Amino acid sequence: MKIAVVADERRGDMGLKLVDKVGADHLSVDDGNLGCSGNHLAAWRALVGLAGSEDAYLVVLEDDAVPVDGFREQLDSALSVAPAPVVSLYLGAGYINDPRTKVALGKADAIGAHWIVTQGRVLHAVALAVRRELVPSMLGAVGRGAAVDGDLSRWARGNGHAVAYSNGSLVDHCDEPSLVCRYQRAERRAWKVGGNDPWNDIVYHWN
């Protein structure tokens, strides 16, 4: 698979450090002219140009993602059994739907599911994997709204693509002040961080 990192120059060298840590193939840096959605769009476009037929998924990480140890190995193992064409490697707290998320995680854990599957719900863009053949379609949808996760959700729902969240998250979130939101909110961290050995294909459907 191919990996890109999206970074903001206001965060200094965080992007470069993440590229080195995960062995990313591309770094897209916003100098203030791209904006969040534009930067994500540039990263996905670059991955399409870099990808070959052997790359089942393409992956974009934000520069404030904190990967688990052995990230590439865990990612390969997880995506080999992923139950959806769109996979979020992060399920985080600090949002309005936290109570429902907590319940969904508890139910997934109760049945030993390594995946929580939703119908087109992209809650975060911190760490996202998309099947290579779907990315060109996605490119036409990103950049239309203020928030990239909203764009991705509308695209996934409109095209009938399920979205799977890894349980646990393969990245945590470095909860520094948001470069987008201007209001105070709860700490943004993953509910549960960590890989699985091995990953299973058991699913909890979160409707």
C-alpha atoms as a PDB file:
ATOM      1  CA  MET A   1       0.000   0.000   0.000  1.00  0.00           C
ATOM      2  CA  LYS A   2       1.020   3.623  -0.360  1.00  0.00           C
ATOM      3  CA  ILE A   3       0.891   6.122   2.526  1.00  0.00           C
ATOM      4  CA  ALA A   4       0.779   9.916   2.475  1.00  0.00           C
ATOM      5  CA  VAL A   5       1.033  12.354   5.377  1.00  0.00           C
ATOM      6  CA  VAL A   6      -0.774  15.690   5.377  1.00  0.00           C
ATOM      7  CA  ALA A   7       0.965  18.379   7.413  1.00  0.00           C
ATOM      8  CA  ASP A   8       0.586  22.023   8.301  1.00  0.00           C
ATOM      9  CA  GLU A   9       3.659  24.244   8.417  1.00  0.00           C
ATOM     10  CA  ARG A  10       2.381  25.735  11.689  1.00  0.00           C
ATOM     11  CA  ARG A  11       3.179  22.388  13.322  1.00  0.00           C
ATOM     12  CA  GLY A  12       6.825  22.564  12.374  1.00  0.00           C
ATOM     13  CA  ASP A  13       8.465  19.254  11.520  1.00  0.00           C
ATOM     14  CA  MET A  14       5.716  16.969  12.864  1.00  0.00           C
ATOM     15  CA  GLY A  15       4.896  15.848   9.343  1.00  0.00           C
ATOM     16  CA  LEU A  16       8.469  14.934   8.492  1.00  0.00           C
ATOM     17  CA  LYS A  17       8.832  12.981  11.731  1.00  0.00           C
ATOM     18  CA  LEU A  18       5.682  11.010  10.975  1.00  0.00           C
ATOM     19  CA  VAL A  19       6.853  10.291   7.410  1.00  0.00           C
ATOM     20  CA  ASP A  20      10.056   8.805   8.822  1.00  0.00           C
ATOM     21  CA  LYS A  21       8.226   6.834  11.503  1.00  0.00           C
ATOM     22  CA  VAL A  22       5.761   5.089   9.178  1.00  0.00           C
ATOM     23  CA  GLY A  23       7.841   5.023   6.004  1.00  0.00           C
ATOM     24  CA  ALA A  24       5.346   7.180   4.123  1.00  0.00           C
ATOM     25  CA  ASP A  25       5.608   7.626   0.372  1.00  0.00           C
ATOM     26  CA  HIS A  26       4.478  11.252   0.165  1.00  0.00           C
ATOM     27  CA  LEU A  27       4.237  14.402   2.308  1.00  0.00           C
ATOM     28  CA  SER A  28       1.776  17.189   1.502  1.00  0.00           C
ATOM     29  CA  VAL A  29       2.355  20.407   3.447  1.00  0.00           C
ATOM     30  CA  ASP A  30      -0.172  23.212   3.715  1.00  0.00           C
ATOM     31  CA  ASP A  31       1.593  26.572   3.667  1.00  0.00           C
ATOM     32  CA  GLY A  32      -1.652  28.376   4.373  1.00  0.00           C
ATOM     33  CA  ASN A  33      -3.027  28.301   0.842  1.00  0.00           C
ATOM     34  CA  LEU A  34      -4.440  24.775   0.590  1.00  0.00           C
ATOM     35  CA  GLY A  35      -6.637  24.532   3.674  1.00  0.00           C
ATOM     36  CA  CYS A  36      -7.496  21.241   5.352  1.00  0.00           C
ATOM     37  CA  SER A  37      -9.665  19.784   2.575  1.00  0.00           C
ATOM     38  CA  GLY A  38      -7.323  21.004  -0.141  1.00  0.00           C
ATOM     39  CA  ASN A  39      -4.341  19.432   1.570  1.00  0.00           C
ATOM     40  CA  HIS A  40      -6.102  16.082   1.899  1.00  0.00           C
ATOM     41  CA  LEU A  41      -7.134  16.303  -1.742  1.00  0.00           C
ATOM     42  CA  ALA A  42      -3.521  16.941  -2.801  1.00  0.00           C
ATOM     43  CA  ALA A  43      -2.348  13.930  -0.785  1.00  0.00           C
ATOM     44  CA  TRP A  44      -4.922  11.560  -2.281  1.00  0.00           C
ATOM     45  CA  ARG A  45      -4.110  12.779  -5.793  1.00  0.00           C
ATOM     46  CA  ALA A  46      -0.419  12.143  -5.192  1.00  0.00           C
ATOM     47  CA  LEU A  47      -1.151   8.618  -3.965  1.00  0.00           C
ATOM     48  CA  VAL A  48      -3.154   7.834  -7.089  1.00  0.00           C
ATOM     49  CA  GLY A  49      -0.110   8.807  -9.147  1.00  0.00           C
ATOM     50  CA  LEU A  50       2.215   6.674  -7.027  1.00  0.00           C
ATOM     51  CA  ALA A  51       0.040   3.593  -6.649  1.00  0.00           C
ATOM     52  CA  GLY A  52       0.342   0.407  -8.611  1.00  0.00           C
ATOM     53  CA  SER A  53      -1.957  -2.570  -9.076  1.00  0.00           C
ATOM     54  CA  GLU A  54      -0.367  -4.219  -6.033  1.00  0.00           C
ATOM     55  CA  ASP A  55      -1.642  -1.458  -3.735  1.00  0.00           C
ATOM     56  CA  ALA A  56      -5.070  -2.593  -2.532  1.00  0.00           C
ATOM     57  CA  TYR A  57      -5.517   0.375  -0.189  1.00  0.00           C
ATOM     58  CA  LEU A  58      -4.179   3.928  -0.117  1.00  0.00           C
ATOM     59  CA  VAL A  59      -3.700   5.597   3.266  1.00  0.00           C
ATOM     60  CA  VAL A  60      -3.597   9.220   4.418  1.00  0.00           C
ATOM     61  CA  LEU A  61      -2.439  10.196   7.923  1.00  0.00           C
ATOM     62  CA  GLU A  62      -2.644  13.633   9.481  1.00  0.00           C
ATOM     63  CA  ASP A  63       0.570  14.938  11.010  1.00  0.00           C
ATOM     64  CA  ASP A  64      -0.845  14.770  14.549  1.00  0.00           C
ATOM     65  CA  ALA A  65      -1.525  11.016  14.272  1.00  0.00           C
ATOM     66  CA  VAL A  66       0.495   8.934  16.749  1.00  0.00           C
ATOM     67  CA  PRO A  67       0.992   5.424  15.302  1.00  0.00           C
ATOM     68  CA  VAL A  68       1.252   2.276  17.392  1.00  0.00           C
ATOM     69  CA  ASP A  69       4.524   0.390  17.542  1.00  0.00           C
ATOM     70  CA  GLY A  70       4.892  -1.864  14.518  1.00  0.00           C
ATOM     71  CA  PHE A  71       2.408   0.287  12.623  1.00  0.00           C
ATOM     72  CA  ARG A  72       3.166  -1.000   9.112  1.00  0.00           C
ATOM     73  CA  GLU A  73       2.898  -4.644  10.152  1.00  0.00           C
ATOM     74  CA  GLN A  74      -0.335  -4.025  12.033  1.00  0.00           C
ATOM     75  CA  LEU A  75      -1.731  -2.043   9.103  1.00  0.00           C
ATOM     76  CA  ASP A  76      -0.937  -4.809   6.619  1.00  0.00           C
ATOM     77  CA  SER A  77      -2.538  -7.417   8.862  1.00  0.00           C
ATOM     78  CA  ALA A  78      -5.642  -5.325   9.563  1.00  0.00           C
ATOM     79  CA  LEU A  79      -6.317  -4.334   5.961  1.00  0.00           C
ATOM     80  CA  SER A  80      -5.912  -7.914   4.770  1.00  0.00           C
ATOM     81  CA  VAL A  81      -9.177  -8.752   6.579  1.00  0.00           C
ATOM     82  CA  ALA A  82     -10.872  -5.329   6.537  1.00  0.00           C
ATOM     83  CA  PRO A  83     -14.635  -5.708   5.992  1.00  0.00           C
ATOM     84  CA  ALA A  84     -15.195  -2.417   4.151  1.00  0.00           C
ATOM     85  CA  PRO A  85     -13.643  -0.399   1.323  1.00  0.00           C
ATOM     86  CA  VAL A  86     -13.188   2.629   3.588  1.00  0.00           C
ATOM     87  CA  VAL A  87     -11.302   2.043   6.840  1.00  0.00           C
ATOM     88  CA  SER A  88     -10.679   4.486   9.658  1.00  0.00           C
ATOM     89  CA  LEU A  89      -7.645   3.564  11.732  1.00  0.00           C
ATOM     90  CA  TYR A  90      -8.789   5.916  14.490  1.00  0.00           C
ATOM     91  CA  LEU A  91     -11.946   6.063  16.606  1.00  0.00           C
ATOM     92  CA  GLY A  92     -11.697   9.038  18.887  1.00  0.00           C
ATOM     93  CA  ALA A  93     -13.399  10.689  21.840  1.00  0.00           C
ATOM     94  CA  GLY A  94     -14.172  14.358  22.286  1.00  0.00           C
ATOM     95  CA  TYR A  95     -17.168  14.594  19.979  1.00  0.00           C
ATOM     96  CA  ILE A  96     -20.923  15.023  20.317  1.00  0.00           C
ATOM     97  CA  ASN A  97     -21.680  11.342  19.702  1.00  0.00           C
ATOM     98  CA  ASP A  98     -19.311  10.037  22.410  1.00  0.00           C
ATOM     99  CA  PRO A  99     -22.027   8.174  24.403  1.00  0.00           C
ATOM    100  CA  ARG A 100     -23.080   6.185  21.317  1.00  0.00           C
ATOM    101  CA  THR A 101     -19.457   5.477  20.420  1.00  0.00           C
ATOM    102  CA  LYS A 102     -18.755   4.129  23.898  1.00  0.00           C
ATOM    103  CA  VAL A 103     -21.752   1.788  23.654  1.00  0.00           C
ATOM    104  CA  ALA A 104     -20.686   0.580  20.202  1.00  0.00           C
ATOM    105  CA  LEU A 105     -17.178  -0.188  21.432  1.00  0.00           C
ATOM    106  CA  GLY A 106     -18.532  -2.113  24.404  1.00  0.00           C
ATOM    107  CA  LYS A 107     -20.751  -4.227  22.162  1.00  0.00           C
ATOM    108  CA  ALA A 108     -17.890  -4.870  19.738  1.00  0.00           C
ATOM    109  CA  ASP A 109     -15.636  -5.983  22.576  1.00  0.00           C
ATOM    110  CA  ALA A 110     -18.363  -8.259  23.933  1.00  0.00           C
ATOM    111  CA  ILE A 111     -18.393 -10.314  20.733  1.00  0.00           C
ATOM    112  CA  GLY A 112     -14.645 -10.106  20.115  1.00  0.00           C
ATOM    113  CA  ALA A 113     -15.061  -7.944  17.006  1.00  0.00           C
ATOM    114  CA  HIS A 114     -12.009  -6.172  15.632  1.00  0.00           C
ATOM    115  CA  TRP A 115     -14.239  -3.994  13.434  1.00  0.00           C
ATOM    116  CA  ILE A 116     -17.076  -1.535  13.962  1.00  0.00           C
ATOM    117  CA  VAL A 117     -18.865  -0.982  10.664  1.00  0.00           C
ATOM    118  CA  THR A 118     -21.076   1.983   9.826  1.00  0.00           C
ATOM    119  CA  GLN A 119     -22.979   2.938   6.704  1.00  0.00           C
ATOM    120  CA  GLY A 120     -20.985   5.825   5.283  1.00  0.00           C
ATOM    121  CA  ARG A 121     -20.098   7.533   8.560  1.00  0.00           C
ATOM    122  CA  VAL A 122     -16.603   9.073   8.502  1.00  0.00           C
ATOM    123  CA  LEU A 123     -16.148  10.626  11.931  1.00  0.00           C
ATOM    124  CA  HIS A 124     -12.488  11.569  11.555  1.00  0.00           C
ATOM    125  CA  ALA A 125      -9.846  12.115   8.887  1.00  0.00           C
ATOM    126  CA  VAL A 126      -6.917  11.470  11.254  1.00  0.00           C
ATOM    127  CA  ALA A 127      -6.012   8.163   9.607  1.00  0.00           C
ATOM    128  CA  LEU A 128      -7.995   6.799   6.694  1.00  0.00           C
ATOM    129  CA  ALA A 129      -7.499   3.939   4.235  1.00  0.00           C
ATOM    130  CA  VAL A 130      -9.520   3.679   1.015  1.00  0.00           C
ATOM    131  CA  ARG A 131      -9.527   0.993  -1.644  1.00  0.00           C
ATOM    132  CA  ARG A 132      -7.353   2.196  -4.509  1.00  0.00           C
ATOM    133  CA  GLU A 133     -10.020   1.790  -7.174  1.00  0.00           C
ATOM    134  CA  LEU A 134     -12.446   4.037  -5.255  1.00  0.00           C
ATOM    135  CA  VAL A 135     -10.106   6.992  -4.745  1.00  0.00           C
ATOM    136  CA  PRO A 136     -10.688   8.631  -8.172  1.00  0.00           C
ATOM    137  CA  SER A 137     -14.412   8.787  -7.382  1.00  0.00           C
ATOM    138  CA  MET A 138     -13.657  10.211  -3.948  1.00  0.00           C
ATOM    139  CA  LEU A 139     -11.493  12.974  -5.405  1.00  0.00           C
ATOM    140  CA  GLY A 140     -14.543  14.579  -6.974  1.00  0.00           C
ATOM    141  CA  ALA A 141     -16.227  14.884  -3.578  1.00  0.00           C
ATOM    142  CA  VAL A 142     -13.419  16.194  -1.344  1.00  0.00           C
ATOM    143  CA  GLY A 143     -13.011  19.942  -1.083  1.00  0.00           C
ATOM    144  CA  ARG A 144     -16.673  20.874  -1.442  1.00  0.00           C
ATOM    145  CA  GLY A 145     -17.285  21.485   2.265  1.00  0.00           C
ATOM    146  CA  ALA A 146     -15.510  23.140   5.172  1.00  0.00           C
ATOM    147  CA  ALA A 147     -14.613  19.811   6.837  1.00  0.00           C
ATOM    148  CA  VAL A 148     -12.951  16.937   5.015  1.00  0.00           C
ATOM    149  CA  ASP A 149     -14.675  14.302   7.173  1.00  0.00           C
ATOM    150  CA  GLY A 150     -18.031  15.735   6.153  1.00  0.00           C
ATOM    151  CA  ASP A 151     -17.062  15.540   2.478  1.00  0.00           C
ATOM    152  CA  LEU A 152     -15.929  11.949   2.905  1.00  0.00           C
ATOM    153  CA  SER A 153     -19.136  10.970   4.709  1.00  0.00           C
ATOM    154  CA  ARG A 154     -21.316  12.436   1.983  1.00  0.00           C
ATOM    155  CA  TRP A 155     -19.293  10.626  -0.679  1.00  0.00           C
ATOM    156  CA  ALA A 156     -19.406   7.291   1.173  1.00  0.00           C
ATOM    157  CA  ARG A 157     -23.139   7.499   1.881  1.00  0.00           C
ATOM    158  CA  GLY A 158     -23.950   8.655  -1.634  1.00  0.00           C
ATOM    159  CA  ASN A 159     -22.121   5.698  -3.150  1.00  0.00           C
ATOM    160  CA  GLY A 160     -23.216   3.058  -0.655  1.00  0.00           C
ATOM    161  CA  HIS A 161     -19.740   2.468   0.818  1.00  0.00           C
ATOM    162  CA  ALA A 162     -19.534   1.039   4.318  1.00  0.00           C
ATOM    163  CA  VAL A 163     -16.910   2.517   6.662  1.00  0.00           C
ATOM    164  CA  ALA A 164     -15.083   0.243   9.116  1.00  0.00           C
ATOM    165  CA  TYR A 165     -13.295   1.420  12.268  1.00  0.00           C
ATOM    166  CA  SER A 166     -10.433  -0.673  13.567  1.00  0.00           C
ATOM    167  CA  ASN A 167     -10.824  -1.919  17.146  1.00  0.00           C
ATOM    168  CA  GLY A 168      -8.374  -0.844  18.537  1.00  0.00           C
ATOM    169  CA  SER A 169      -7.169   2.266  16.838  1.00  0.00           C
ATOM    170  CA  LEU A 170      -3.843   1.951  15.052  1.00  0.00           C
ATOM    171  CA  VAL A 171      -3.118   5.616  15.731  1.00  0.00           C
ATOM    172  CA  ASP A 172      -3.776   7.868  18.680  1.00  0.00           C
ATOM    173  CA  HIS A 173      -4.219  11.612  18.346  1.00  0.00           C
ATOM    174  CA  CYS A 174      -1.751  14.215  19.583  1.00  0.00           C
ATOM    175  CA  ASP A 175      -4.291  16.555  21.146  1.00  0.00           C
ATOM    176  CA  GLU A 176      -2.673  19.903  20.481  1.00  0.00           C
ATOM    177  CA  PRO A 177      -4.798  23.023  19.878  1.00  0.00           C
ATOM    178  CA  SER A 178      -6.920  22.553  16.761  1.00  0.00           C
ATOM    179  CA  LEU A 179      -5.905  24.469  13.660  1.00  0.00           C
ATOM    180  CA  VAL A 180      -9.508  24.352  12.436  1.00  0.00           C
ATOM    181  CA  CYS A 181     -11.905  24.591  15.369  1.00  0.00           C
ATOM    182  CA  ARG A 182     -11.925  27.795  17.403  1.00  0.00           C
ATOM    183  CA  TYR A 183     -13.953  26.535  20.343  1.00  0.00           C
ATOM    184  CA  GLN A 184     -12.890  24.489  23.356  1.00  0.00           C
ATOM    185  CA  ARG A 185     -13.883  20.848  23.415  1.00  0.00           C
ATOM    186  CA  ALA A 186     -13.044  17.663  25.258  1.00  0.00           C
ATOM    187  CA  GLU A 187      -9.678  15.998  24.825  1.00  0.00           C
ATOM    188  CA  ARG A 188      -9.448  14.268  21.452  1.00  0.00           C
ATOM    189  CA  ARG A 189      -7.895  10.862  22.015  1.00  0.00           C
ATOM    190  CA  ALA A 190      -8.593   7.376  20.744  1.00  0.00           C
ATOM    191  CA  TRP A 191     -10.994   5.378  22.870  1.00  0.00           C
ATOM    192  CA  LYS A 192      -8.695   2.366  22.676  1.00  0.00           C
ATOM    193  CA  VAL A 193      -5.258   2.159  21.069  1.00  0.00           C
ATOM    194  CA  GLY A 194      -3.489  -1.000  20.032  1.00  0.00           C
ATOM    195  CA  GLY A 195      -3.069  -3.670  17.424  1.00  0.00           C
ATOM    196  CA  ASN A 196      -4.296  -7.259  17.310  1.00  0.00           C
ATOM    197  CA  ASP A 197      -2.355 -10.455  16.719  1.00  0.00           C
ATOM    198  CA  PRO A 198      -3.895 -11.692  14.576  1.00  0.00           C
ATOM    199  CA  TRP A 199      -6.663  -9.450  13.275  1.00  0.00           C
ATOM    200  CA  ASN A 200     -10.039 -11.117  12.784  1.00  0.00           C
ATOM    201  CA  ASP A 201     -12.915 -10.272  10.441  1.00  0.00           C
ATOM    202  CA  ILE A 202     -15.632 -10.220  13.125  1.00  0.00           C
ATOM    203  CA  VAL A 203     -17.871  -7.174  12.747  1.00  0.00           C
ATOM    204  CA  TYR A 204     -20.160  -5.198  14.998  1.00  0.00           C
ATOM    205  CA  HIS A 205     -22.607  -3.214  12.872  1.00  0.00           C
ATOM    206  CA  TRP A 206     -23.162   0.267  14.295  1.00  0.00           C
ATOM    207  CA  ASN A 207     -26.270   1.692  12.633  1.00  0.00           C
END
